[in-house]
Amino acid sequence: MQINFMSQTWQIRDSEPRELQECVGLCDPKNNEIILDLELEGDPRCQTLLHEITHVIEMTMNLNLTEHQVDCLAAGWLHLLRSNPKLVAMILNMDDYEL
């Protein structure tokens, strides 16, 4: 899968066996890749994906966030998006949405 952010395309892929050491996700700005631990599933996988996407935003916009700040933002976004499906629909279809 790939995502686009600020005119950059990022690949999202599962890790190769033993590719990730001491982490469950990696944001690689040299190759514009997000790599997720092959064995992650469910909420931990979603949280890790949002964590790495937050790094994409943080690096692109020169925010210099700490790992803790990135992790808190990822957890917050996951909770917000899961708890408010109408918000997601509104964002995706703003032209067709009435308040």
PDB file of N, CA and C in Angstrom:
ATOM      1  N   MET A   1       0.847  -1.174   0.000  1.00  0.00           N
ATOM      2  CA  MET A   1       0.000   0.000   0.000  1.00  0.00           C
ATOM      3  C   MET A   1       0.890   1.234   0.000  1.00  0.00           C
ATOM      4  N   GLN A   2       0.336   2.321  -0.480  1.00  0.00           N
ATOM      5  CA  GLN A   2       1.081   3.570  -0.411  1.00  0.00           C
ATOM      6  C   GLN A   2       0.155   4.705   0.004  1.00  0.00           C
ATOM      7  N   ILE A   3       0.770   5.733   0.581  1.00  0.00           N
ATOM      8  CA  ILE A   3       0.051   6.947   0.965  1.00  0.00           C
ATOM      9  C   ILE A   3       0.791   8.134   0.368  1.00  0.00           C
ATOM     10  N   ASN A   4       0.083   9.243   0.239  1.00  0.00           N
ATOM     11  CA  ASN A   4       0.682  10.475  -0.251  1.00  0.00           C
ATOM     12  C   ASN A   4       0.556  11.530   0.832  1.00  0.00           C
ATOM     13  N   PHE A   5       1.644  12.252   1.053  1.00  0.00           N
ATOM     14  CA  PHE A   5       1.642  13.352   2.009  1.00  0.00           C
ATOM     15  C   PHE A   5       2.588  14.428   1.532  1.00  0.00           C
ATOM     16  N   MET A   6       2.051  15.632   1.358  1.00  0.00           N
ATOM     17  CA  MET A   6       2.851  16.792   0.946  1.00  0.00           C
ATOM     18  C   MET A   6       3.727  16.471  -0.273  1.00  0.00           C
ATOM     19  N   SER A   7       3.120  15.977  -1.304  1.00  0.00           N
ATOM     20  CA  SER A   7       3.780  15.669  -2.580  1.00  0.00           C
ATOM     21  C   SER A   7       4.790  14.528  -2.502  1.00  0.00           C
ATOM     22  N   GLN A   8       4.766  13.768  -1.436  1.00  0.00           N
ATOM     23  CA  GLN A   8       5.644  12.603  -1.310  1.00  0.00           C
ATOM     24  C   GLN A   8       4.794  11.341  -1.246  1.00  0.00           C
ATOM     25  N   THR A   9       5.280  10.298  -1.881  1.00  0.00           N
ATOM     26  CA  THR A   9       4.618   9.007  -1.819  1.00  0.00           C
ATOM     27  C   THR A   9       5.414   8.105  -0.890  1.00  0.00           C
ATOM     28  N   TRP A  10       4.712   7.475   0.031  1.00  0.00           N
ATOM     29  CA  TRP A  10       5.322   6.582   1.018  1.00  0.00           C
ATOM     30  C   TRP A  10       4.763   5.186   0.829  1.00  0.00           C
ATOM     31  N   GLN A  11       5.616   4.192   0.799  1.00  0.00           N
ATOM     32  CA  GLN A  11       5.208   2.794   0.739  1.00  0.00           C
ATOM     33  C   GLN A  11       5.011   2.284   2.166  1.00  0.00           C
ATOM     34  N   ILE A  12       3.967   1.515   2.370  1.00  0.00           N
ATOM     35  CA  ILE A  12       3.738   0.842   3.652  1.00  0.00           C
ATOM     36  C   ILE A  12       3.825  -0.653   3.382  1.00  0.00           C
ATOM     37  N   ARG A  13       4.687  -1.315   4.139  1.00  0.00           N
ATOM     38  CA  ARG A  13       4.865  -2.748   3.901  1.00  0.00           C
ATOM     39  C   ARG A  13       5.161  -3.474   5.201  1.00  0.00           C
ATOM     40  N   ASP A  14       4.960  -4.798   5.146  1.00  0.00           N
ATOM     41  CA  ASP A  14       5.336  -5.649   6.273  1.00  0.00           C
ATOM     42  C   ASP A  14       6.836  -5.884   6.253  1.00  0.00           C
ATOM     43  N   SER A  15       7.376  -6.101   7.422  1.00  0.00           N
ATOM     44  CA  SER A  15       8.816  -6.357   7.541  1.00  0.00           C
ATOM     45  C   SER A  15       9.163  -7.744   7.020  1.00  0.00           C
ATOM     46  N   GLU A  16      10.403  -7.881   6.637  1.00  0.00           N
ATOM     47  CA  GLU A  16      10.968  -9.194   6.338  1.00  0.00           C
ATOM     48  C   GLU A  16      11.339  -9.832   7.675  1.00  0.00           C
ATOM     49  N   PRO A  17      11.453 -11.151   7.721  1.00  0.00           N
ATOM     50  CA  PRO A  17      11.880 -11.785   8.982  1.00  0.00           C
ATOM     51  C   PRO A  17      13.188 -11.171   9.502  1.00  0.00           C
ATOM     52  N   ARG A  18      13.201 -10.825  10.774  1.00  0.00           N
ATOM     53  CA  ARG A  18      14.352 -10.249  11.472  1.00  0.00           C
ATOM     54  C   ARG A  18      14.809  -8.889  10.919  1.00  0.00           C
ATOM     55  N   GLU A  19      13.971  -8.224  10.118  1.00  0.00           N
ATOM     56  CA  GLU A  19      14.341  -6.908   9.595  1.00  0.00           C
ATOM     57  C   GLU A  19      14.278  -5.837  10.677  1.00  0.00           C
ATOM     58  N   LEU A  20      13.240  -5.887  11.502  1.00  0.00           N
ATOM     59  CA  LEU A  20      13.101  -4.914  12.583  1.00  0.00           C
ATOM     60  C   LEU A  20      13.655  -5.501  13.861  1.00  0.00           C
ATOM     61  N   GLN A  21      14.524  -4.750  14.494  1.00  0.00           N
ATOM     62  CA  GLN A  21      15.109  -5.216  15.747  1.00  0.00           C
ATOM     63  C   GLN A  21      14.830  -4.182  16.813  1.00  0.00           C
ATOM     64  N   GLU A  22      14.273  -4.628  17.922  1.00  0.00           N
ATOM     65  CA  GLU A  22      13.965  -3.773  19.062  1.00  0.00           C
ATOM     66  C   GLU A  22      12.870  -2.744  18.777  1.00  0.00           C
ATOM     67  N   CYS A  23      12.067  -2.960  17.725  1.00  0.00           N
ATOM     68  CA  CYS A  23      10.935  -2.083  17.454  1.00  0.00           C
ATOM     69  C   CYS A  23       9.884  -2.856  16.657  1.00  0.00           C
ATOM     70  N   VAL A  24       8.676  -2.319  16.623  1.00  0.00           N
ATOM     71  CA  VAL A  24       7.600  -2.984  15.885  1.00  0.00           C
ATOM     72  C   VAL A  24       7.196  -2.205  14.641  1.00  0.00           C
ATOM     73  N   GLY A  25       7.837  -1.061  14.430  1.00  0.00           N
ATOM     74  CA  GLY A  25       7.577  -0.258  13.246  1.00  0.00           C
ATOM     75  C   GLY A  25       8.738   0.675  12.989  1.00  0.00           C
ATOM     76  N   LEU A  26       8.844   1.120  11.734  1.00  0.00           N
ATOM     77  CA  LEU A  26       9.949   1.992  11.358  1.00  0.00           C
ATOM     78  C   LEU A  26       9.493   2.927  10.256  1.00  0.00           C
ATOM     79  N   CYS A  27       9.856   4.192  10.390  1.00  0.00           N
ATOM     80  CA  CYS A  27       9.626   5.185   9.351  1.00  0.00           C
ATOM     81  C   CYS A  27      10.989   5.488   8.734  1.00  0.00           C
ATOM     82  N   ASP A  28      11.178   5.102   7.488  1.00  0.00           N
ATOM     83  CA  ASP A  28      12.469   5.246   6.804  1.00  0.00           C
ATOM     84  C   ASP A  28      12.378   6.390   5.791  1.00  0.00           C
ATOM     85  N   PRO A  29      12.830   7.603   6.159  1.00  0.00           N
ATOM     86  CA  PRO A  29      12.709   8.744   5.256  1.00  0.00           C
ATOM     87  C   PRO A  29      13.626   8.676   4.035  1.00  0.00           C
ATOM     88  N   LYS A  30      14.695   7.901   4.106  1.00  0.00           N
ATOM     89  CA  LYS A  30      15.586   7.786   2.946  1.00  0.00           C
ATOM     90  C   LYS A  30      14.912   7.067   1.785  1.00  0.00           C
ATOM     91  N   ASN A  31      14.075   6.088   2.119  1.00  0.00           N
ATOM     92  CA  ASN A  31      13.389   5.301   1.099  1.00  0.00           C
ATOM     93  C   ASN A  31      11.886   5.565   1.054  1.00  0.00           C
ATOM     94  N   ASN A  32      11.422   6.542   1.830  1.00  0.00           N
ATOM     95  CA  ASN A  32       9.988   6.840   1.934  1.00  0.00           C
ATOM     96  C   ASN A  32       9.181   5.568   2.166  1.00  0.00           C
ATOM     97  N   GLU A  33       9.568   4.846   3.220  1.00  0.00           N
ATOM     98  CA  GLU A  33       8.913   3.596   3.568  1.00  0.00           C
ATOM     99  C   GLU A  33       8.490   3.582   5.025  1.00  0.00           C
ATOM    100  N   ILE A  34       7.332   2.993   5.259  1.00  0.00           N
ATOM    101  CA  ILE A  34       6.893   2.652   6.602  1.00  0.00           C
ATOM    102  C   ILE A  34       6.887   1.135   6.650  1.00  0.00           C
ATOM    103  N   ILE A  35       7.590   0.595   7.626  1.00  0.00           N
ATOM    104  CA  ILE A  35       7.712  -0.852   7.746  1.00  0.00           C
ATOM    105  C   ILE A  35       7.072  -1.274   9.059  1.00  0.00           C
ATOM    106  N   LEU A  36       6.164  -2.251   8.988  1.00  0.00           N
ATOM    107  CA  LEU A  36       5.460  -2.747  10.169  1.00  0.00           C
ATOM    108  C   LEU A  36       5.871  -4.180  10.449  1.00  0.00           C
ATOM    109  N   ASP A  37       5.992  -4.497  11.717  1.00  0.00           N
ATOM    110  CA  ASP A  37       6.313  -5.862  12.132  1.00  0.00           C
ATOM    111  C   ASP A  37       5.280  -6.813  11.537  1.00  0.00           C
ATOM    112  N   LEU A  38       5.764  -7.818  10.853  1.00  0.00           N
ATOM    113  CA  LEU A  38       4.932  -8.804  10.176  1.00  0.00           C
ATOM    114  C   LEU A  38       3.936  -9.480  11.109  1.00  0.00           C
ATOM    115  N   GLU A  39       4.286  -9.594  12.386  1.00  0.00           N
ATOM    116  CA  GLU A  39       3.445 -10.333  13.330  1.00  0.00           C
ATOM    117  C   GLU A  39       2.413  -9.460  14.050  1.00  0.00           C
ATOM    118  N   LEU A  40       2.442  -8.152  13.852  1.00  0.00           N
ATOM    119  CA  LEU A  40       1.472  -7.267  14.508  1.00  0.00           C
ATOM    120  C   LEU A  40       0.089  -7.452  13.903  1.00  0.00           C
ATOM    121  N   GLU A  41      -0.925  -7.456  14.777  1.00  0.00           N
ATOM    122  CA  GLU A  41      -2.313  -7.561  14.326  1.00  0.00           C
ATOM    123  C   GLU A  41      -3.196  -6.641  15.146  1.00  0.00           C
ATOM    124  N   GLY A  42      -4.379  -6.368  14.646  1.00  0.00           N
ATOM    125  CA  GLY A  42      -5.391  -5.637  15.401  1.00  0.00           C
ATOM    126  C   GLY A  42      -4.975  -4.239  15.813  1.00  0.00           C
ATOM    127  N   ASP A  43      -5.399  -3.865  17.036  1.00  0.00           N
ATOM    128  CA  ASP A  43      -5.130  -2.515  17.537  1.00  0.00           C
ATOM    129  C   ASP A  43      -3.640  -2.176  17.613  1.00  0.00           C
ATOM    130  N   PRO A  44      -2.770  -3.103  18.056  1.00  0.00           N
ATOM    131  CA  PRO A  44      -1.346  -2.757  18.065  1.00  0.00           C
ATOM    132  C   PRO A  44      -0.812  -2.411  16.668  1.00  0.00           C
ATOM    133  N   ARG A  45      -1.317  -3.095  15.635  1.00  0.00           N
ATOM    134  CA  ARG A  45      -0.889  -2.803  14.260  1.00  0.00           C
ATOM    135  C   ARG A  45      -1.385  -1.412  13.841  1.00  0.00           C
ATOM    136  N   CYS A  46      -2.655  -1.106  14.149  1.00  0.00           N
ATOM    137  CA  CYS A  46      -3.202   0.210  13.811  1.00  0.00           C
ATOM    138  C   CYS A  46      -2.464   1.323  14.542  1.00  0.00           C
ATOM    139  N   GLN A  47      -2.214   1.119  15.829  1.00  0.00           N
ATOM    140  CA  GLN A  47      -1.493   2.116  16.629  1.00  0.00           C
ATOM    141  C   GLN A  47      -0.091   2.342  16.063  1.00  0.00           C
ATOM    142  N   THR A  48       0.583   1.256  15.707  1.00  0.00           N
ATOM    143  CA  THR A  48       1.937   1.377  15.155  1.00  0.00           C
ATOM    144  C   THR A  48       1.914   2.091  13.812  1.00  0.00           C
ATOM    145  N   LEU A  49       0.945   1.761  12.964  1.00  0.00           N
ATOM    146  CA  LEU A  49       0.831   2.441  11.672  1.00  0.00           C
ATOM    147  C   LEU A  49       0.620   3.930  11.864  1.00  0.00           C
ATOM    148  N   LEU A  50      -0.301   4.308  12.749  1.00  0.00           N
ATOM    149  CA  LEU A  50      -0.530   5.734  13.001  1.00  0.00           C
ATOM    150  C   LEU A  50       0.695   6.395  13.633  1.00  0.00           C
ATOM    151  N   HIS A  51       1.411   5.670  14.465  1.00  0.00           N
ATOM    152  CA  HIS A  51       2.656   6.187  15.049  1.00  0.00           C
ATOM    153  C   HIS A  51       3.651   6.524  13.933  1.00  0.00           C
ATOM    154  N   GLU A  52       3.828   5.605  13.001  1.00  0.00           N
ATOM    155  CA  GLU A  52       4.799   5.832  11.925  1.00  0.00           C
ATOM    156  C   GLU A  52       4.321   6.915  10.966  1.00  0.00           C
ATOM    157  N   ILE A  53       3.014   6.989  10.713  1.00  0.00           N
ATOM    158  CA  ILE A  53       2.481   8.074   9.871  1.00  0.00           C
ATOM    159  C   ILE A  53       2.683   9.416  10.567  1.00  0.00           C
ATOM    160  N   THR A  54       2.552   9.443  11.886  1.00  0.00           N
ATOM    161  CA  THR A  54       2.821  10.676  12.632  1.00  0.00           C
ATOM    162  C   THR A  54       4.280  11.083  12.464  1.00  0.00           C
ATOM    163  N   HIS A  55       5.187  10.117  12.411  1.00  0.00           N
ATOM    164  CA  HIS A  55       6.590  10.445  12.129  1.00  0.00           C
ATOM    165  C   HIS A  55       6.749  11.060  10.743  1.00  0.00           C
ATOM    166  N   VAL A  56       6.009  10.557   9.769  1.00  0.00           N
ATOM    167  CA  VAL A  56       6.054  11.139   8.417  1.00  0.00           C
ATOM    168  C   VAL A  56       5.677  12.613   8.492  1.00  0.00           C
ATOM    169  N   ILE A  57       4.568  12.906   9.168  1.00  0.00           N
ATOM    170  CA  ILE A  57       4.111  14.291   9.311  1.00  0.00           C
ATOM    171  C   ILE A  57       5.142  15.112  10.075  1.00  0.00           C
ATOM    172  N   GLU A  58       5.618  14.566  11.184  1.00  0.00           N
ATOM    173  CA  GLU A  58       6.574  15.257  12.045  1.00  0.00           C
ATOM    174  C   GLU A  58       7.858  15.600  11.296  1.00  0.00           C
ATOM    175  N   MET A  59       8.397  14.652  10.544  1.00  0.00           N
ATOM    176  CA  MET A  59       9.650  14.901   9.816  1.00  0.00           C
ATOM    177  C   MET A  59       9.439  15.870   8.661  1.00  0.00           C
ATOM    178  N   THR A  60       8.357  15.702   7.926  1.00  0.00           N
ATOM    179  CA  THR A  60       8.086  16.559   6.773  1.00  0.00           C
ATOM    180  C   THR A  60       7.882  18.010   7.188  1.00  0.00           C
ATOM    181  N   MET A  61       7.257  18.198   8.345  1.00  0.00           N
ATOM    182  CA  MET A  61       6.946  19.549   8.795  1.00  0.00           C
ATOM    183  C   MET A  61       7.930  20.077   9.840  1.00  0.00           C
ATOM    184  N   ASN A  62       9.038  19.341  10.052  1.00  0.00           N
ATOM    185  CA  ASN A  62      10.086  19.761  10.989  1.00  0.00           C
ATOM    186  C   ASN A  62       9.550  20.100  12.377  1.00  0.00           C
ATOM    187  N   LEU A  63       8.788  19.179  12.952  1.00  0.00           N
ATOM    188  CA  LEU A  63       8.183  19.431  14.256  1.00  0.00           C
ATOM    189  C   LEU A  63       9.051  19.016  15.438  1.00  0.00           C
ATOM    190  N   ASN A  64       9.996  18.115  15.216  1.00  0.00           N
ATOM    191  CA  ASN A  64      10.908  17.662  16.276  1.00  0.00           C
ATOM    192  C   ASN A  64      10.172  17.156  17.517  1.00  0.00           C
ATOM    193  N   LEU A  65       9.219  16.271  17.313  1.00  0.00           N
ATOM    194  CA  LEU A  65       8.477  15.696  18.426  1.00  0.00           C
ATOM    195  C   LEU A  65       9.278  14.575  19.082  1.00  0.00           C
ATOM    196  N   THR A  66       9.016  14.340  20.343  1.00  0.00           N
ATOM    197  CA  THR A  66       9.638  13.210  21.027  1.00  0.00           C
ATOM    198  C   THR A  66       8.869  11.930  20.668  1.00  0.00           C
ATOM    199  N   GLU A  67       9.472  10.785  20.953  1.00  0.00           N
ATOM    200  CA  GLU A  67       8.784   9.502  20.731  1.00  0.00           C
ATOM    201  C   GLU A  67       7.497   9.446  21.545  1.00  0.00           C
ATOM    202  N   HIS A  68       7.533   9.965  22.763  1.00  0.00           N
ATOM    203  CA  HIS A  68       6.344   9.973  23.610  1.00  0.00           C
ATOM    204  C   HIS A  68       5.232  10.819  22.980  1.00  0.00           C
ATOM    205  N   GLN A  69       5.578  11.981  22.458  1.00  0.00           N
ATOM    206  CA  GLN A  69       4.587  12.836  21.818  1.00  0.00           C
ATOM    207  C   GLN A  69       3.995  12.165  20.581  1.00  0.00           C
ATOM    208  N   VAL A  70       4.846  11.536  19.785  1.00  0.00           N
ATOM    209  CA  VAL A  70       4.379  10.822  18.592  1.00  0.00           C
ATOM    210  C   VAL A  70       3.433   9.696  19.001  1.00  0.00           C
ATOM    211  N   ASP A  71       3.802   8.949  20.027  1.00  0.00           N
ATOM    212  CA  ASP A  71       2.976   7.838  20.485  1.00  0.00           C
ATOM    213  C   ASP A  71       1.625   8.325  21.020  1.00  0.00           C
ATOM    214  N   CYS A  72       1.637   9.412  21.779  1.00  0.00           N
ATOM    215  CA  CYS A  72       0.388   9.968  22.305  1.00  0.00           C
ATOM    216  C   CYS A  72      -0.520  10.464  21.179  1.00  0.00           C
ATOM    217  N   LEU A  73       0.040  11.118  20.193  1.00  0.00           N
ATOM    218  CA  LEU A  73      -0.763  11.572  19.056  1.00  0.00           C
ATOM    219  C   LEU A  73      -1.359  10.391  18.295  1.00  0.00           C
ATOM    220  N   ALA A  74      -0.576   9.352  18.086  1.00  0.00           N
ATOM    221  CA  ALA A  74      -1.078   8.163  17.384  1.00  0.00           C
ATOM    222  C   ALA A  74      -2.228   7.527  18.154  1.00  0.00           C
ATOM    223  N   ALA A  75      -2.081   7.388  19.468  1.00  0.00           N
ATOM    224  CA  ALA A  75      -3.144   6.813  20.293  1.00  0.00           C
ATOM    225  C   ALA A  75      -4.391   7.695  20.256  1.00  0.00           C
ATOM    226  N   GLY A  76      -4.182   8.992  20.306  1.00  0.00           N
ATOM    227  CA  GLY A  76      -5.309   9.924  20.253  1.00  0.00           C
ATOM    228  C   GLY A  76      -6.051   9.845  18.929  1.00  0.00           C
ATOM    229  N   TRP A  77      -5.316   9.815  17.818  1.00  0.00           N
ATOM    230  CA  TRP A  77      -5.956   9.707  16.498  1.00  0.00           C
ATOM    231  C   TRP A  77      -6.707   8.400  16.344  1.00  0.00           C
ATOM    232  N   LEU A  78      -6.116   7.302  16.815  1.00  0.00           N
ATOM    233  CA  LEU A  78      -6.788   6.012  16.713  1.00  0.00           C
ATOM    234  C   LEU A  78      -8.108   6.042  17.487  1.00  0.00           C
ATOM    235  N   HIS A  79      -8.075   6.553  18.703  1.00  0.00           N
ATOM    236  CA  HIS A  79      -9.286   6.634  19.511  1.00  0.00           C
ATOM    237  C   HIS A  79     -10.320   7.563  18.855  1.00  0.00           C
ATOM    238  N   LEU A  80      -9.895   8.729  18.407  1.00  0.00           N
ATOM    239  CA  LEU A  80     -10.799   9.695  17.793  1.00  0.00           C
ATOM    240  C   LEU A  80     -11.467   9.126  16.547  1.00  0.00           C
ATOM    241  N   LEU A  81     -10.682   8.525  15.660  1.00  0.00           N
ATOM    242  CA  LEU A  81     -11.226   8.003  14.407  1.00  0.00           C
ATOM    243  C   LEU A  81     -12.156   6.814  14.640  1.00  0.00           C
ATOM    244  N   ARG A  82     -11.771   5.936  15.551  1.00  0.00           N
ATOM    245  CA  ARG A  82     -12.617   4.767  15.843  1.00  0.00           C
ATOM    246  C   ARG A  82     -13.901   5.154  16.568  1.00  0.00           C
ATOM    247  N   SER A  83     -13.843   6.178  17.391  1.00  0.00           N
ATOM    248  CA  SER A  83     -15.007   6.579  18.185  1.00  0.00           C
ATOM    249  C   SER A  83     -15.980   7.472  17.426  1.00  0.00           C
ATOM    250  N   ASN A  84     -15.550   7.978  16.288  1.00  0.00           N
ATOM    251  CA  ASN A  84     -16.356   8.969  15.555  1.00  0.00           C
ATOM    252  C   ASN A  84     -16.406   8.665  14.061  1.00  0.00           C
ATOM    253  N   PRO A  85     -17.061   7.575  13.663  1.00  0.00           N
ATOM    254  CA  PRO A  85     -17.100   7.229  12.238  1.00  0.00           C
ATOM    255  C   PRO A  85     -17.778   8.297  11.377  1.00  0.00           C
ATOM    256  N   LYS A  86     -18.712   9.053  11.963  1.00  0.00           N
ATOM    257  CA  LYS A  86     -19.349  10.125  11.184  1.00  0.00           C
ATOM    258  C   LYS A  86     -18.358  11.241  10.872  1.00  0.00           C
ATOM    259  N   LEU A  87     -17.405  11.465  11.764  1.00  0.00           N
ATOM    260  CA  LEU A  87     -16.358  12.452  11.514  1.00  0.00           C
ATOM    261  C   LEU A  87     -15.514  12.029  10.317  1.00  0.00           C
ATOM    262  N   VAL A  88     -15.150  10.750  10.270  1.00  0.00           N
ATOM    263  CA  VAL A  88     -14.368  10.226   9.154  1.00  0.00           C
ATOM    264  C   VAL A  88     -15.153  10.400   7.858  1.00  0.00           C
ATOM    265  N   ALA A  89     -16.441  10.057   7.866  1.00  0.00           N
ATOM    266  CA  ALA A  89     -17.278  10.219   6.678  1.00  0.00           C
ATOM    267  C   ALA A  89     -17.346  11.685   6.256  1.00  0.00           C
ATOM    268  N   MET A  90     -17.460  12.571   7.234  1.00  0.00           N
ATOM    269  CA  MET A  90     -17.517  13.996   6.942  1.00  0.00           C
ATOM    270  C   MET A  90     -16.226  14.479   6.277  1.00  0.00           C
ATOM    271  N   ILE A  91     -15.088  14.048   6.806  1.00  0.00           N
ATOM    272  CA  ILE A  91     -13.798  14.454   6.243  1.00  0.00           C
ATOM    273  C   ILE A  91     -13.632  13.923   4.823  1.00  0.00           C
ATOM    274  N   LEU A  92     -14.010  12.678   4.610  1.00  0.00           N
ATOM    275  CA  LEU A  92     -13.846  12.058   3.295  1.00  0.00           C
ATOM    276  C   LEU A  92     -14.820  12.602   2.257  1.00  0.00           C
ATOM    277  N   ASN A  93     -15.984  13.058   2.706  1.00  0.00           N
ATOM    278  CA  ASN A  93     -17.033  13.501   1.777  1.00  0.00           C
ATOM    279  C   ASN A  93     -17.522  14.890   2.129  1.00  0.00           C
ATOM    280  N   MET A  94     -16.620  15.805   2.393  1.00  0.00           N
ATOM    281  CA  MET A  94     -16.989  17.126   2.900  1.00  0.00           C
ATOM    282  C   MET A  94     -17.973  17.837   1.978  1.00  0.00           C
ATOM    283  N   ASP A  95     -17.836  17.695   0.667  1.00  0.00           N
ATOM    284  CA  ASP A  95     -18.720  18.390  -0.251  1.00  0.00           C
ATOM    285  C   ASP A  95     -20.159  17.880  -0.165  1.00  0.00           C
ATOM    286  N   ASP A  96     -20.339  16.620   0.239  1.00  0.00           N
ATOM    287  CA  ASP A  96     -21.662  16.006   0.285  1.00  0.00           C
ATOM    288  C   ASP A  96     -22.251  15.970   1.697  1.00  0.00           C
ATOM    289  N   TYR A  97     -21.541  16.484   2.683  1.00  0.00           N
ATOM    290  CA  TYR A  97     -21.952  16.325   4.070  1.00  0.00           C
ATOM    291  C   TYR A  97     -22.657  17.573   4.582  1.00  0.00           C
ATOM    292  N   GLU A  98     -23.768  17.361   5.282  1.00  0.00           N
ATOM    293  CA  GLU A  98     -24.460  18.455   5.934  1.00  0.00           C
ATOM    294  C   GLU A  98     -24.330  18.322   7.446  1.00  0.00           C
ATOM    295  N   LEU A  99     -24.068  19.408   8.125  1.00  0.00           N
ATOM    296  CA  LEU A  99     -23.957  19.389   9.595  1.00  0.00           C
ATOM    297  C   LEU A  99     -25.314  19.292  10.240  1.00  0.00           C
TER     298      LEU A  99
END
